[in-house]
């Protein structure tokens, strides 16, 4: 019984993360408006809308949204992996904390990605 409920949490992990990111984008829109910017909040609002629609559709069980979230997370993981070896600007920002921060984020996303794939067997990667 515990395995079934545990797998159901993994099946919606990226969907819930997408909705959380949508909320963070909306907060960033409000902060940017408060600071007097008007172009950047428009782009953030568009990305928040796309994240919200994709996350809500994923929670509703629509396969197209689950595939988009899965493929996007694979691309983000690949980006983080290659940036561990070739990124110059984040090394300047994070300094000695670059490797712990980036490798931790990569590990968390990989765990979420593998759990999401396991919880959604209808997603075929290739």
Protein backbone atom coordinates (compact mmCIF):
# COMPACT_ATOMS: atom_id res chain seq x y z
CA UNK A 1 0.00 0.00 0.00
CA UNK A 2 2.83 2.37 0.85
CA UNK A 3 4.51 1.73 -2.52
CA UNK A 4 1.39 2.70 -4.45
CA UNK A 5 0.96 6.02 -2.62
CA UNK A 6 4.70 6.71 -2.85
CA UNK A 7 4.62 6.17 -6.63
CA UNK A 8 1.63 8.49 -6.92
CA UNK A 9 3.67 11.28 -5.31
CA UNK A 10 6.50 10.70 -7.78
CA UNK A 11 4.02 10.76 -10.65
CA UNK A 12 3.15 14.40 -9.94
CA UNK A 13 6.53 15.65 -8.68
CA UNK A 14 7.48 17.65 -11.77
CA UNK A 15 3.91 18.90 -12.17
CA UNK A 16 3.94 20.31 -8.64
CA UNK A 17 7.42 21.78 -9.19
CA UNK A 18 6.13 23.46 -12.34
CA UNK A 19 3.29 25.06 -10.39
CA UNK A 20 5.70 26.24 -7.69
CA UNK A 21 7.92 27.82 -10.35
CA UNK A 22 4.85 29.49 -11.81
CA UNK A 23 4.12 31.04 -8.42
CA UNK A 24 7.73 32.21 -8.13
CA UNK A 25 7.45 33.83 -11.57
CA UNK A 26 4.30 35.68 -10.49
CA UNK A 27 6.12 36.94 -7.39
CA UNK A 28 9.01 38.09 -9.61
CA UNK A 29 6.51 39.90 -11.84
CA UNK A 30 5.15 41.82 -8.87
CA UNK A 31 8.63 42.69 -7.62
CA UNK A 32 9.69 43.87 -11.10
CA UNK A 33 6.59 46.06 -11.43
CA UNK A 34 7.30 47.53 -8.01
CA UNK A 35 10.85 48.37 -9.12
CA UNK A 36 9.52 50.17 -12.19
CA UNK A 37 10.34 47.65 -14.92
CA UNK A 38 7.74 46.88 -17.56
CA UNK A 39 9.36 44.72 -20.28
CA UNK A 40 10.87 41.99 -18.09
CA UNK A 41 7.62 41.39 -16.13
CA UNK A 42 5.79 40.82 -19.41
CA UNK A 43 8.18 38.02 -20.33
CA UNK A 44 8.01 36.58 -16.81
CA UNK A 45 4.21 36.71 -16.94
CA UNK A 46 4.21 34.79 -20.22
CA UNK A 47 6.53 32.14 -18.83
CA UNK A 48 4.43 31.93 -15.63
CA UNK A 49 1.35 31.33 -17.75
CA UNK A 50 3.06 28.56 -19.73
CA UNK A 51 4.36 26.93 -16.55
CA UNK A 52 0.92 27.13 -14.93
CA UNK A 53 -0.90 25.63 -17.92
CA UNK A 54 1.65 22.83 -18.28
CA UNK A 55 1.68 22.05 -14.55
CA UNK A 56 -2.10 22.08 -14.27
CA UNK A 57 -2.48 19.85 -17.33
CA UNK A 58 0.15 17.49 -15.93
CA UNK A 59 -1.72 17.25 -12.63
CA UNK A 60 -4.88 16.52 -14.62
CA UNK A 61 -3.04 13.56 -16.18
CA UNK A 62 -2.77 14.83 -19.74
CA UNK A 63 0.01 12.99 -21.53
CA UNK A 64 1.21 15.91 -23.67
CA UNK A 65 2.01 17.97 -20.56
CA UNK A 66 3.79 15.07 -18.88
CA UNK A 67 5.94 14.52 -21.99
CA UNK A 68 6.82 18.22 -22.20
CA UNK A 69 7.79 18.34 -18.52
CA UNK A 70 9.84 15.16 -18.85
CA UNK A 71 11.74 16.33 -21.95
CA UNK A 72 12.29 19.81 -20.51
CA UNK A 73 13.70 18.32 -17.31
CA UNK A 74 16.00 16.03 -19.30
CA UNK A 75 17.31 19.08 -21.18
CA UNK A 76 17.80 21.03 -17.93
CA UNK A 77 19.71 18.08 -16.43
CA UNK A 78 21.94 17.90 -19.51
CA UNK A 79 22.53 21.63 -19.31
CA UNK A 80 23.49 21.40 -15.62
CA UNK A 81 25.78 18.43 -16.27
CA UNK A 82 27.70 20.14 -19.05
CA UNK A 83 27.83 23.40 -17.12
CA UNK A 84 29.71 21.58 -14.35
CA UNK A 85 32.62 21.35 -16.78
CA UNK A 86 32.30 24.40 -19.04
CA UNK A 87 30.41 27.21 -17.24
CA UNK A 88 32.47 30.32 -16.56
CA UNK A 89 29.99 32.92 -15.34
CA UNK A 90 28.32 30.83 -12.61
CA UNK A 91 31.78 30.01 -11.26
CA UNK A 92 32.35 33.73 -10.80
CA UNK A 93 29.02 34.18 -9.02
CA UNK A 94 29.20 31.15 -6.72
CA UNK A 95 32.98 30.91 -6.30
CA UNK A 96 33.92 27.88 -4.22
CA UNK A 97 30.24 26.97 -3.80
CA UNK A 98 29.74 26.39 -7.53
CA UNK A 99 30.24 22.62 -7.48
CA UNK A 100 28.15 21.94 -4.35
CA UNK A 101 25.27 24.12 -5.60
CA UNK A 102 25.19 22.85 -9.17
CA UNK A 103 25.77 19.21 -8.32
CA UNK A 104 23.08 19.33 -5.61
CA UNK A 105 20.54 20.85 -7.97
CA UNK A 106 21.48 18.29 -10.62
CA UNK A 107 21.12 15.41 -8.15
CA UNK A 108 17.72 16.66 -6.95
CA UNK A 109 16.45 17.07 -10.50
CA UNK A 110 17.72 13.62 -11.49
CA UNK A 111 15.94 12.01 -8.54
CA UNK A 112 12.74 13.88 -9.42
CA UNK A 113 13.13 12.93 -13.08
CA UNK A 114 13.67 9.23 -12.41
CA UNK A 115 10.76 9.14 -9.97
CA UNK A 116 8.56 10.97 -12.46
CA UNK A 117 9.42 8.47 -15.17
CA UNK A 118 8.79 5.56 -12.82
CA UNK A 119 5.46 7.01 -11.72
CA UNK A 120 4.37 7.68 -15.31
CA UNK A 121 5.15 4.54 -17.34
CA UNK A 122 3.13 5.86 -20.28
CA UNK A 123 5.96 8.33 -21.06
CA UNK A 124 8.21 6.83 -23.72
CA UNK A 125 11.48 8.69 -24.11
CA UNK A 126 12.44 7.58 -27.62
